[in-house]
Amino acid sequence: MLDSIQDLGRFGYQQFGINPTGCMDKYAASVANCLVGNDVNEAVIEIHFPGPSILFEEPAIIAITGADFNATVNRKPVPINKPVFVNKNETLQFQSPKNKSQCYLAVKGGLHLKKWLNSLSTNLKAEAGGFYGRRLLKDDVIELNEGQHDLNLREEAFRVLPWQVNEYIGVDLPKEILVIEGSEWNWLDDLSKKKFLKNPFFISHNSDRMGFRLASEPLQASGKTELISSAVSFGTIQLLPDGQLIILMADHQTTGGYPRLGNVISVHLSRLSQLKTGEEIHFKFTDHQTAETLLIKQQQHLLQLQNACKLRLENYTHEIRNEND
């Protein structure tokens, strides 16, 4: 089990060798926070399958986004992409993986944890941030910032709130993963350039939060020039000495010495991060203007979602209080 506390990342410290970490699928995590009225950078639990069993010792409003792991409360299905009120002493479980690689659990008000360098993201290498700098384990207890003590569902184990989000609104979904040309793209020979844009690449089994290793026909550099270690980021595509590619992911190092052939645009990092072993991807080049336009569109959607959900939550909590009077 590799479940951990993550937010959108720890930025401003890469010059000291401290990588940003953060959620693999930052878009899904942001949507989860919007659904429960949080700031998009509030910490969430990033969950991989097999998922944990989570006992709520106090009432809470939650949202699950990203992968669908067939969540249940009291053996009854709980939907993704909807806010859900979970009553005290009820247990959330994940039964089976339906799609994607990781899901995100957000709780209204956030998790009561101490920040490290202005972030709650877990840095597993540094053993800092998140929950004591490590993955979550059995019997861990995480306090909430804002339990819903004043709300009572009486005999209901949980209640699905009457609104949802279409996670694909504001997201461009072409067949290919869009990429900006990298600084060392022209190091490839002509045949390898054609392979990069034409051939499928498959997610290798030895992929993790640090990087997705890809399997395909090897690519070749036209010369034997060596690269001085340079800055890299989430989504940087590097050419390894064996001719295969690696895409750096959320826990990537701060610098790298392999040729940088390209960088996945920010909007498509969400799709990329949810791919599973054996799935294939195709690359297509785009320009900075297109990448920026798509990102602005996505951020506008999140802002609209956040404002709408906050209003709906205020009305909902008022209705529940009236039920209990």
Protein backbone atom coordinates (compact mmCIF):
# COMPACT_ATOMS: atom_id res chain seq x y z
CA MET A 1 0.00 0.00 0.00
CA LEU A 2 1.42 3.37 -1.02
CA ASP A 3 -1.05 5.93 0.26
CA SER A 4 0.27 9.31 1.35
CA ILE A 5 -0.66 12.87 2.21
CA GLN A 6 -0.13 15.20 -0.74
CA ASP A 7 -1.01 18.71 -1.86
CA LEU A 8 -0.09 20.47 -5.13
CA GLY A 9 3.60 20.49 -4.27
CA ARG A 10 6.47 22.12 -2.39
CA PHE A 11 7.91 24.88 -4.55
CA GLY A 12 10.76 27.34 -4.09
CA TYR A 13 13.37 24.91 -2.76
CA GLN A 14 14.67 23.12 -5.85
CA GLN A 15 17.89 25.15 -5.75
CA PHE A 16 18.61 23.27 -2.49
CA GLY A 17 17.92 19.89 -4.08
CA ILE A 18 14.45 19.53 -2.53
CA ASN A 19 12.01 18.30 -5.15
CA PRO A 20 8.39 19.54 -5.25
CA THR A 21 6.68 16.11 -4.84
CA GLY A 22 2.89 16.63 -4.54
CA CYS A 23 -0.04 14.80 -6.11
CA MET A 24 0.53 12.75 -9.24
CA ASP A 25 -2.82 13.90 -10.63
CA LYS A 26 -3.03 17.50 -9.47
CA TYR A 27 -6.18 18.18 -11.45
CA ALA A 28 -8.16 15.34 -9.82
CA ALA A 29 -6.94 16.45 -6.39
CA SER A 30 -8.01 20.03 -7.11
CA VAL A 31 -11.47 18.85 -8.20
CA ALA A 32 -11.84 16.85 -4.96
CA ASN A 33 -11.01 19.93 -2.91
CA CYS A 34 -13.41 22.09 -4.90
CA LEU A 35 -16.26 19.63 -4.28
CA VAL A 36 -15.91 20.00 -0.50
CA GLY A 37 -15.34 23.77 -0.54
CA ASN A 38 -11.59 23.70 0.13
CA ASP A 39 -8.80 25.69 -1.44
CA VAL A 40 -7.39 23.68 -4.36
CA ASN A 41 -4.02 23.33 -2.57
CA GLU A 42 -5.49 21.72 0.55
CA ALA A 43 -3.88 18.39 1.45
CA VAL A 44 -5.63 15.21 0.29
CA ILE A 45 -4.95 11.49 0.65
CA GLU A 46 -3.54 9.96 -2.54
CA ILE A 47 -4.73 6.36 -2.68
CA HIS A 48 -3.50 3.45 -4.76
CA PHE A 49 -5.12 0.02 -4.96
CA PRO A 50 -5.41 -1.98 -2.76
CA GLY A 51 -6.94 0.92 -0.90
CA PRO A 52 -7.24 1.41 2.87
CA SER A 53 -10.18 1.11 5.22
CA ILE A 54 -10.81 4.52 6.78
CA LEU A 55 -12.89 4.86 9.95
CA PHE A 56 -14.43 8.30 10.52
CA GLU A 57 -14.47 8.99 14.25
CA GLU A 58 -16.43 12.17 13.60
CA PRO A 59 -18.83 13.30 10.83
CA ALA A 60 -17.17 14.62 7.69
CA ILE A 61 -17.98 15.83 4.18
CA ILE A 62 -15.69 14.11 1.69
CA ALA A 63 -15.15 13.78 -2.06
CA ILE A 64 -13.39 11.05 -4.05
CA THR A 65 -11.98 11.82 -7.51
CA GLY A 66 -9.51 10.36 -9.98
CA ALA A 67 -9.55 6.56 -10.16
CA ASP A 68 -12.77 4.67 -9.43
CA PHE A 69 -11.94 1.96 -6.89
CA ASN A 70 -15.59 1.08 -6.16
CA ALA A 71 -15.74 2.84 -2.80
CA THR A 72 -18.33 1.80 -0.22
CA VAL A 73 -19.60 2.95 3.16
CA ASN A 74 -21.48 0.34 5.18
CA ARG A 75 -21.24 -1.92 2.08
CA LYS A 76 -23.20 0.54 -0.02
CA PRO A 77 -21.57 2.17 -3.08
CA VAL A 78 -20.22 5.69 -2.83
CA PRO A 79 -19.84 7.60 -6.14
CA ILE A 80 -16.80 9.51 -7.29
CA ASN A 81 -16.92 13.17 -8.36
CA LYS A 82 -19.67 13.95 -5.84
CA PRO A 83 -19.50 15.32 -2.28
CA VAL A 84 -20.62 12.81 0.35
CA PHE A 85 -21.55 13.34 4.01
CA VAL A 86 -20.18 10.41 6.06
CA ASN A 87 -21.61 9.90 9.54
CA LYS A 88 -19.66 9.26 12.72
CA ASN A 89 -18.20 5.76 13.20
CA GLU A 90 -18.70 4.72 9.57
CA THR A 91 -15.97 3.07 7.49
CA LEU A 92 -14.96 3.94 3.95
CA GLN A 93 -13.52 1.02 1.95
CA PHE A 94 -12.31 0.44 -1.61
CA GLN A 95 -13.44 -2.85 -3.14
CA SER A 96 -11.85 -3.22 -6.58
CA PRO A 97 -10.04 -1.12 -9.20
CA LYS A 98 -12.30 -0.03 -12.05
CA ASN A 99 -10.06 2.40 -13.90
CA LYS A 100 -6.99 4.61 -13.62
CA SER A 101 -4.16 4.39 -11.08
CA GLN A 102 -4.81 6.64 -8.09
CA CYS A 103 -7.78 8.28 -6.46
CA TYR A 104 -7.93 11.28 -4.16
CA LEU A 105 -9.84 11.72 -0.93
CA ALA A 106 -10.52 15.30 0.17
CA VAL A 107 -12.19 16.22 3.47
CA LYS A 108 -14.00 19.49 4.06
CA GLY A 109 -11.76 21.77 6.11
CA GLY A 110 -8.63 19.74 5.39
CA LEU A 111 -6.32 17.56 7.47
CA HIS A 112 -4.74 18.79 10.71
CA LEU A 113 -1.04 18.28 10.00
CA LYS A 114 2.14 20.32 10.33
CA LYS A 115 3.63 21.84 7.18
CA TRP A 116 7.24 21.32 6.17
CA LEU A 117 8.68 24.12 4.01
CA ASN A 118 5.21 25.56 3.37
CA SER A 119 3.66 22.31 2.13
CA LEU A 120 1.92 19.22 3.49
CA SER A 121 3.15 16.97 0.68
CA THR A 122 4.99 13.84 1.77
CA ASN A 123 8.61 13.71 0.62
CA LEU A 124 9.35 10.00 0.96
CA LYS A 125 13.07 10.37 0.18
CA ALA A 126 13.63 13.13 2.73
CA GLU A 127 11.19 11.47 5.19
CA ALA A 128 9.56 14.83 5.82
CA GLY A 129 6.17 16.46 5.31
CA GLY A 130 2.76 14.84 5.27
CA PHE A 131 2.23 12.25 8.03
CA TYR A 132 5.66 11.97 9.68
CA GLY A 133 7.30 11.92 6.24
CA ARG A 134 6.09 8.43 5.37
CA ARG A 135 3.32 6.49 3.67
CA LEU A 136 0.19 5.80 5.69
CA LEU A 137 0.03 2.61 7.73
CA LYS A 138 -2.56 0.62 9.67
CA ASP A 139 -3.81 2.35 12.85
CA ASP A 140 -2.63 5.82 11.80
CA VAL A 141 -4.95 8.53 13.14
CA ILE A 142 -5.29 11.78 11.20
CA GLU A 143 -7.09 14.68 12.85
CA LEU A 144 -9.39 16.93 10.86
CA ASN A 145 -9.26 20.71 10.81
CA GLU A 146 -13.02 21.04 10.64
CA GLY A 147 -15.22 18.14 11.73
CA GLN A 148 -18.95 18.48 11.03
CA HIS A 149 -20.00 18.04 14.68
CA ASP A 150 -23.05 20.27 14.32
CA LEU A 151 -24.55 18.14 11.53
CA ASN A 152 -26.38 14.88 12.19
CA LEU A 153 -27.80 12.40 9.69
CA ARG A 154 -29.47 10.44 12.47
CA GLU A 155 -29.93 6.90 11.10
CA GLU A 156 -28.11 7.35 7.76
CA ALA A 157 -24.56 5.99 7.37
CA PHE A 158 -23.88 8.52 4.64
CA ARG A 159 -25.65 10.82 2.23
CA VAL A 160 -24.61 11.71 -1.32
CA LEU A 161 -25.02 15.43 -1.85
CA PRO A 162 -27.15 16.39 -4.88
CA TRP A 163 -24.50 17.80 -7.21
CA GLN A 164 -21.53 16.46 -9.12
CA VAL A 165 -18.79 17.46 -11.52
CA ASN A 166 -17.88 16.21 -14.95
CA GLU A 167 -14.12 15.77 -14.48
CA TYR A 168 -13.44 16.20 -18.20
CA ILE A 169 -14.94 19.67 -18.51
CA GLY A 170 -12.08 22.09 -19.01
CA VAL A 171 -9.71 19.29 -20.06
CA ASP A 172 -8.55 18.76 -23.63
CA LEU A 173 -8.65 15.03 -24.49
CA PRO A 174 -6.99 14.27 -27.82
CA LYS A 175 -5.63 10.80 -28.47
CA GLU A 176 -2.03 11.98 -28.12
CA ILE A 177 -0.12 13.38 -25.16
CA LEU A 178 0.87 16.92 -26.16
CA VAL A 179 4.53 17.81 -25.71
CA ILE A 180 6.68 20.95 -25.95
CA GLU A 181 9.97 20.41 -27.80
CA GLY A 182 12.91 19.94 -25.42
CA SER A 183 16.34 21.57 -25.42
CA GLU A 184 18.08 18.43 -26.73
CA TRP A 185 15.41 17.35 -29.25
CA ASN A 186 17.78 17.97 -32.14
CA TRP A 187 20.27 15.51 -30.65
CA LEU A 188 18.13 12.70 -32.08
CA ASP A 189 18.89 11.36 -35.53
CA ASP A 190 16.19 11.78 -38.19
CA LEU A 191 14.90 8.20 -37.93
CA SER A 192 14.55 8.48 -34.14
CA LYS A 193 12.62 11.74 -34.48
CA LYS A 194 10.12 9.94 -36.71
CA LYS A 195 9.86 7.06 -34.24
CA PHE A 196 9.18 9.47 -31.37
CA LEU A 197 6.20 10.99 -33.16
CA LYS A 198 4.88 7.83 -34.84
CA ASN A 199 5.52 4.81 -32.60
CA PRO A 200 3.49 3.86 -29.51
CA PHE A 201 5.28 3.86 -26.15
CA PHE A 202 4.20 1.53 -23.35
CA ILE A 203 4.30 2.18 -19.59
CA SER A 204 6.90 -0.19 -18.13
CA HIS A 205 6.37 -2.22 -14.94
CA ASN A 206 9.29 -0.45 -13.21
CA SER A 207 7.52 2.94 -13.21
CA ASP A 208 6.79 4.83 -10.00
CA ARG A 209 6.19 8.32 -8.57
CA MET A 210 9.72 9.34 -9.61
CA GLY A 211 9.34 8.46 -13.27
CA PHE A 212 7.46 6.47 -15.90
CA ARG A 213 9.84 4.29 -17.88
CA LEU A 214 8.63 3.67 -21.42
CA ALA A 215 9.20 0.65 -23.62
CA SER A 216 9.41 0.92 -27.41
CA GLU A 217 11.93 0.78 -30.25
CA PRO A 218 15.17 2.36 -29.01
CA LEU A 219 15.95 5.92 -30.11
CA GLN A 220 19.43 7.06 -31.05
CA ALA A 221 21.28 10.35 -30.62
CA SER A 222 23.13 11.54 -33.70
CA GLY A 223 26.36 12.18 -31.76
CA LYS A 224 28.05 11.35 -28.47
CA THR A 225 27.77 14.77 -26.85
CA GLU A 226 27.48 14.66 -23.07
CA LEU A 227 25.10 16.91 -21.17
CA ILE A 228 25.92 18.82 -18.00
CA SER A 229 23.22 18.20 -15.35
CA SER A 230 20.43 20.70 -15.92
CA ALA A 231 17.08 21.54 -14.37
CA VAL A 232 14.18 19.14 -14.98
CA SER A 233 10.51 19.22 -14.06
CA PHE A 234 7.35 17.13 -13.80
CA GLY A 235 6.74 15.87 -17.34
CA THR A 236 10.31 16.14 -18.68
CA ILE A 237 10.99 13.36 -21.23
CA GLN A 238 14.58 12.11 -21.05
CA LEU A 239 16.53 9.80 -23.37
CA LEU A 240 18.29 7.07 -21.40
CA PRO A 241 21.62 5.52 -22.47
CA ASP A 242 19.84 2.34 -23.67
CA GLY A 243 17.70 4.36 -26.11
CA GLN A 244 14.52 4.09 -24.06
CA LEU A 245 12.61 7.04 -22.57
CA ILE A 246 11.63 8.07 -19.06
CA ILE A 247 9.04 10.73 -18.18
CA LEU A 248 9.79 12.39 -14.86
CA MET A 249 6.80 12.39 -12.50
CA ALA A 250 5.81 14.04 -9.21
CA ASP A 251 8.81 12.83 -7.15
CA HIS A 252 11.36 13.67 -9.85
CA GLN A 253 14.88 14.83 -8.98
CA THR A 254 15.69 18.53 -9.33
CA THR A 255 18.37 18.11 -12.02
CA GLY A 256 19.25 15.48 -14.60
CA GLY A 257 22.06 14.67 -17.00
CA TYR A 258 20.13 12.87 -19.73
CA PRO A 259 19.02 14.64 -22.94
CA ARG A 260 15.62 16.32 -22.59
CA LEU A 261 13.62 15.54 -25.71
CA GLY A 262 10.45 17.30 -24.60
CA ASN A 263 8.10 18.16 -21.78
CA VAL A 264 4.49 17.05 -21.39
CA ILE A 265 2.21 20.09 -21.17
CA SER A 266 0.72 20.77 -17.72
CA VAL A 267 -2.88 19.99 -18.70
CA HIS A 268 -1.93 16.49 -19.92
CA LEU A 269 0.05 15.50 -16.82
CA SER A 270 -3.24 14.44 -15.23
CA ARG A 271 -3.99 11.94 -18.02
CA LEU A 272 -0.42 10.71 -18.05
CA SER A 273 -0.25 10.10 -14.30
CA GLN A 274 -3.37 7.92 -14.35
CA LEU A 275 -1.99 5.45 -16.93
CA LYS A 276 -1.30 1.90 -15.78
CA THR A 277 1.44 -0.57 -16.61
CA GLY A 278 1.17 -1.75 -20.20
CA GLU A 279 -0.95 1.14 -21.44
CA GLU A 280 0.32 2.94 -24.52
CA ILE A 281 0.80 6.60 -25.28
CA HIS A 282 1.52 8.60 -28.42
CA PHE A 283 3.33 11.93 -28.47
CA LYS A 284 2.45 15.00 -30.50
CA PHE A 285 4.26 18.33 -30.47
CA THR A 286 2.43 21.56 -29.70
CA ASP A 287 3.48 25.14 -28.98
CA HIS A 288 3.66 27.25 -25.83
CA GLN A 289 0.62 29.33 -26.81
CA THR A 290 -1.61 26.24 -27.09
CA ALA A 291 -0.30 24.82 -23.82
CA GLU A 292 -0.95 28.13 -22.04
CA THR A 293 -4.47 28.48 -23.50
CA LEU A 294 -5.42 24.97 -22.35
CA LEU A 295 -4.04 25.61 -18.87
CA ILE A 296 -5.95 28.89 -18.50
CA LYS A 297 -9.15 27.15 -19.60
CA GLN A 298 -8.61 24.43 -17.00
CA GLN A 299 -7.89 26.93 -14.21
CA GLN A 300 -11.00 28.94 -15.09
CA HIS A 301 -13.08 25.76 -14.83
CA LEU A 302 -11.64 24.98 -11.39
CA LEU A 303 -12.38 28.51 -10.17
CA GLN A 304 -16.00 28.29 -11.37
CA LEU A 305 -16.36 24.86 -9.77
CA GLN A 306 -14.91 26.08 -6.49
CA ASN A 307 -17.28 29.06 -6.27
CA ALA A 308 -20.35 26.99 -7.21
CA CYS A 309 -19.58 24.23 -4.70
CA LYS A 310 -19.01 26.65 -1.83
CA LEU A 311 -22.45 28.15 -2.43
CA ARG A 312 -24.11 24.73 -2.65
CA LEU A 313 -22.40 23.57 0.57
CA GLU A 314 -23.64 26.60 2.48
CA ASN A 315 -27.20 25.86 1.39
CA TYR A 316 -26.84 22.13 2.15
CA THR A 317 -25.54 22.59 5.71
CA HIS A 318 -28.40 25.01 6.37
CA GLU A 319 -30.92 22.39 5.19
CA ILE A 320 -29.42 19.68 7.42
CA ARG A 321 -29.59 21.94 10.48
CA ASN A 322 -33.25 22.61 9.72
CA GLU A 323 -33.89 18.83 9.54
CA ASN A 324 -32.42 18.41 13.03
CA ASP A 325 -34.39 21.27 14.61
